Protein backbone atom coordinates (compact mmCIF):
# COMPACT_ATOMS: atom_id res chain seq x y z
CA UNK A 1 11.90 52.74 12.97
CA UNK A 2 15.52 53.08 14.09
CA UNK A 3 15.02 51.90 17.68
CA UNK A 4 13.20 48.77 16.55
CA UNK A 5 15.93 48.11 14.01
CA UNK A 6 18.58 48.35 16.73
CA UNK A 7 16.72 45.94 19.01
CA UNK A 8 16.14 43.49 16.15
CA UNK A 9 19.77 43.60 15.09
CA UNK A 10 21.03 42.97 18.60
CA UNK A 11 18.57 40.27 19.63
CA UNK A 12 18.42 38.13 16.50
CA UNK A 13 20.97 39.72 14.17
CA UNK A 14 20.56 40.46 10.49
CA UNK A 15 21.62 37.82 7.99
CA UNK A 16 25.04 39.37 7.39
CA UNK A 17 25.83 39.62 11.12
CA UNK A 18 24.67 36.06 11.78
CA UNK A 19 26.86 34.80 8.95
CA UNK A 20 29.81 36.76 10.32
CA UNK A 21 29.34 35.30 13.81
CA UNK A 22 29.09 31.77 12.39
CA UNK A 23 32.44 32.31 10.65
CA UNK A 24 33.97 33.71 13.83
CA UNK A 25 32.85 30.76 15.96
CA UNK A 26 33.91 28.28 13.27
CA UNK A 27 37.39 29.82 13.31
CA UNK A 28 37.47 29.62 17.12
CA UNK A 29 36.63 25.91 16.89
CA UNK A 30 39.44 25.33 14.36
CA UNK A 31 41.86 27.24 16.57
CA UNK A 32 40.92 25.19 19.65
CA UNK A 33 41.56 21.94 17.76
CA UNK A 34 44.91 23.28 16.48
CA UNK A 35 45.93 24.33 20.00
CA UNK A 36 45.01 20.89 21.35
CA UNK A 37 47.12 19.21 18.67
CA UNK A 38 50.06 21.53 19.38
CA UNK A 39 49.86 20.78 23.10
CA UNK A 40 49.60 17.02 22.44
CA UNK A 41 52.68 17.07 20.23
CA UNK A 42 54.89 18.67 22.86
CA UNK A 43 53.39 16.65 25.71
CA UNK A 44 54.68 13.67 23.74
CA UNK A 45 58.11 15.03 22.80
CA UNK A 46 58.63 17.21 25.92
CA UNK A 47 60.94 19.44 23.90
CA UNK A 48 62.15 22.80 25.23
CA UNK A 49 63.00 23.68 21.62
CA UNK A 50 59.38 23.20 20.56
CA UNK A 51 58.25 25.19 23.59
CA UNK A 52 60.50 28.10 22.64
CA UNK A 53 59.48 27.76 18.98
CA UNK A 54 55.87 28.06 20.13
CA UNK A 55 56.63 31.36 21.87
CA UNK A 56 58.33 32.79 18.78
CA UNK A 57 55.68 31.39 16.45
CA UNK A 58 52.88 32.99 18.48
CA UNK A 59 54.37 36.44 18.00
CA UNK A 60 55.17 35.90 14.33
CA UNK A 61 51.79 34.47 13.31
CA UNK A 62 49.93 37.02 15.45
CA UNK A 63 51.64 39.79 13.48
CA UNK A 64 51.03 38.05 10.15
CA UNK A 65 47.33 37.52 10.92
CA UNK A 66 46.79 41.08 12.13
CA UNK A 67 48.48 42.81 9.19
CA UNK A 68 47.39 40.69 6.22
CA UNK A 69 43.64 41.38 5.98
CA UNK A 70 43.84 43.55 2.85
CA UNK A 71 46.61 41.66 1.06
CA UNK A 72 46.17 37.93 1.73
CA UNK A 73 43.50 35.41 0.75
CA UNK A 74 41.20 34.31 3.61
CA UNK A 75 42.26 30.66 3.32
CA UNK A 76 45.91 31.61 3.74
CA UNK A 77 45.09 33.82 6.72
CA UNK A 78 43.15 30.93 8.23
CA UNK A 79 46.40 29.01 7.94
CA UNK A 80 48.19 31.80 9.82
CA UNK A 81 45.68 31.81 12.65
CA UNK A 82 45.69 28.00 12.83
CA UNK A 83 49.48 28.07 13.12
CA UNK A 84 49.15 30.75 15.82
CA UNK A 85 46.82 28.45 17.77
CA UNK A 86 49.15 25.46 17.35
CA UNK A 87 52.06 27.55 18.65
CA UNK A 88 49.98 28.55 21.66
CA UNK A 89 49.35 24.87 22.24
CA UNK A 90 53.09 24.19 22.15
CA UNK A 91 53.65 26.99 24.65
CA UNK A 92 50.95 25.62 26.98
CA UNK A 93 52.19 22.02 26.87
CA UNK A 94 54.31 22.23 30.03
CA UNK A 95 51.27 23.20 32.12
CA UNK A 96 49.11 20.52 30.53
CA UNK A 97 51.78 17.85 31.01
CA UNK A 98 52.05 18.77 34.70
CA UNK A 99 48.27 18.58 35.14
CA UNK A 100 48.17 15.16 33.46
CA UNK A 101 50.73 13.89 36.00
CA UNK A 102 48.50 15.09 38.86
CA UNK A 103 45.19 13.83 37.42
CA UNK A 104 44.38 13.47 33.69
CA UNK A 105 40.65 13.88 34.34
CA UNK A 106 41.29 17.53 35.24
CA UNK A 107 41.94 18.24 31.55
CA UNK A 108 38.48 16.99 30.58
CA UNK A 109 36.76 18.76 33.48
CA UNK A 110 38.50 22.05 32.70
CA UNK A 111 37.70 21.82 28.98
CA UNK A 112 34.02 21.02 29.49
CA UNK A 113 33.67 23.76 32.12
CA UNK A 114 35.44 26.26 29.88
CA UNK A 115 33.17 25.38 26.95
CA UNK A 116 30.02 25.82 29.05
CA UNK A 117 31.24 29.12 30.52
CA UNK A 118 32.36 30.43 27.12
CA UNK A 119 29.10 29.58 25.36
CA UNK A 120 26.98 30.92 28.23
CA UNK A 121 28.76 34.26 28.51
CA UNK A 122 28.95 34.74 24.74
CA UNK A 123 25.24 34.01 24.29
CA UNK A 124 24.34 36.30 27.18
CA UNK A 125 26.21 39.11 25.42
CA UNK A 126 24.44 38.41 22.12
CA UNK A 127 21.00 38.49 23.70
CA UNK A 128 21.70 41.46 25.96
CA UNK A 129 20.83 45.01 24.96
CA UNK A 130 23.08 46.35 22.22
CA UNK A 131 26.29 47.99 23.53
CA UNK A 132 25.33 47.16 27.12
CA UNK A 133 28.62 45.31 27.73
CA UNK A 134 30.97 47.72 26.01
CA UNK A 135 31.37 49.81 29.15
CA UNK A 136 33.38 46.88 30.53
CA UNK A 137 36.28 47.69 28.18
CA UNK A 138 37.97 50.36 30.28
CA UNK A 139 37.20 48.58 33.56
CA UNK A 140 38.64 45.29 32.36
CA UNK A 141 41.73 46.96 30.92
CA UNK A 142 42.35 48.69 34.26
CA UNK A 143 41.77 45.45 36.18
CA UNK A 144 44.07 43.56 33.86
CA UNK A 145 46.80 46.16 34.27
CA UNK A 146 46.49 45.97 38.05
CA UNK A 147 46.63 42.18 37.89
CA UNK A 148 49.79 42.26 35.80
CA UNK A 149 51.44 44.60 38.31
CA UNK A 150 50.37 42.33 41.17
CA UNK A 151 51.71 39.25 39.38
CA UNK A 152 55.00 41.00 38.64
CA UNK A 153 55.37 42.02 42.30
CA UNK A 154 54.60 38.49 43.44
CA UNK A 155 57.36 37.21 41.17
CA UNK A 156 59.75 38.64 43.78
CA UNK A 157 57.72 38.06 46.98
CA UNK A 158 56.52 34.54 46.12
CA UNK A 159 53.32 34.57 48.20
CA UNK A 160 51.28 31.44 47.30
CA UNK A 161 47.93 32.90 48.37
CA UNK A 162 48.57 36.00 46.26
CA UNK A 163 49.43 33.85 43.25
CA UNK A 164 46.18 31.90 43.63
CA UNK A 165 44.22 35.13 44.03
CA UNK A 166 45.73 36.30 40.73
CA UNK A 167 44.51 33.14 39.01
CA UNK A 168 40.95 33.57 40.32
CA UNK A 169 40.97 37.25 39.39
CA UNK A 170 42.25 36.40 35.91
CA UNK A 171 39.43 33.85 35.54
CA UNK A 172 36.77 36.44 36.38
CA UNK A 173 38.33 39.05 34.09
CA UNK A 174 38.59 36.63 31.15
CA UNK A 175 34.94 35.55 31.57
CA UNK A 176 33.85 39.19 31.42
CA UNK A 177 36.09 39.69 28.39
CA UNK A 178 34.06 37.01 26.58
CA UNK A 179 30.95 39.19 26.90
CA UNK A 180 32.81 42.37 26.01
CA UNK A 181 34.58 40.87 22.99
CA UNK A 182 31.38 39.25 21.71
CA UNK A 183 29.50 42.54 21.66
CA UNK A 184 32.56 44.35 20.27
CA UNK A 185 32.71 41.92 17.35
CA UNK A 186 29.03 42.58 16.59
CA UNK A 187 29.62 46.35 16.71
CA UNK A 188 32.65 46.09 14.43
CA UNK A 189 30.63 44.05 11.94
CA UNK A 190 27.78 46.59 11.98
CA UNK A 191 30.37 49.29 11.24
CA UNK A 192 31.58 47.39 8.18
CA UNK A 193 34.56 45.47 9.57
CA UNK A 194 34.33 41.99 8.07
CA UNK A 195 37.59 40.42 9.22
CA UNK A 196 36.09 37.39 10.96
CA UNK A 197 39.48 35.67 11.14
CA UNK A 198 41.04 38.42 13.25
CA UNK A 199 37.85 38.82 15.27
CA UNK A 200 38.03 35.14 16.20
CA UNK A 201 41.45 35.60 17.80
CA UNK A 202 40.01 37.66 20.67
CA UNK A 203 37.46 35.00 21.61
CA UNK A 204 39.98 32.19 21.15
CA UNK A 205 42.40 33.86 23.56
CA UNK A 206 39.57 34.36 26.05
CA UNK A 207 38.78 30.65 25.81
CA UNK A 208 42.40 29.61 26.34
CA UNK A 209 42.92 31.92 29.31
CA UNK A 210 39.78 30.59 31.01
CA UNK A 211 40.93 27.01 30.32
CA UNK A 212 44.43 27.56 31.71
CA UNK A 213 43.12 29.32 34.82
CA UNK A 214 40.74 26.43 35.48
CA UNK A 215 43.60 23.96 35.05
CA UNK A 216 45.59 25.76 37.75
CA UNK A 217 42.60 26.06 40.11
CA UNK A 218 41.45 22.45 39.74
CA UNK A 219 45.00 21.11 40.05
CA UNK A 220 45.54 23.12 43.24
CA UNK A 221 42.29 21.76 44.68
CA UNK A 222 43.25 18.18 43.80
CA UNK A 223 46.68 18.52 45.41
CA UNK A 224 45.12 19.93 48.61
CA UNK A 225 42.57 17.11 48.64
CA UNK A 226 45.31 14.52 48.46
CA UNK A 227 47.23 16.15 51.30
CA UNK A 228 44.15 15.96 53.49
């Protein structure tokens, strides 16, 4: 019966959906490695040119990945999304280089914590009732908009506590986005959308945002500890 089919699809997934999710998570893993390499390159060279090139490359490869599903071979599109991730790594290198100067172990702690959080929230979404997390979409979009307005206002007022609040809020929002995006990917697949490469971008960006927020939080805690 239909209800049993829905429960079965959501809890264990049919073969096609499981295969799609494996491809999505494999792409996310490739993108994380590419981002790490991009960040390492510019942490070594410390080049403002590479940093700016990363910003431009992110926009260019994002557009190329999003618009090439029907016209470009999957392997080539995987190259696009890998380049996108590497450019994001270049863009993030200034933050990572700063954190390394404070305490290199923060990088490892933040990465391990991000991985645990990402896997936990993504699995919780997969094993939850079908569509149960999709209501978060409008709430998270509204929260994200409010956070952007708050961050823009604080650009002028420069209130440290408000800036830190924004980081914590962004961390919570991005964790919830992992659950929302995971279930959304499943729904898109069930509706016949098979673009696992583009689907992986949403989860990859969630991972990176969580990682960067944790870097800021842990670095702030370490600096306060040293002052005390």
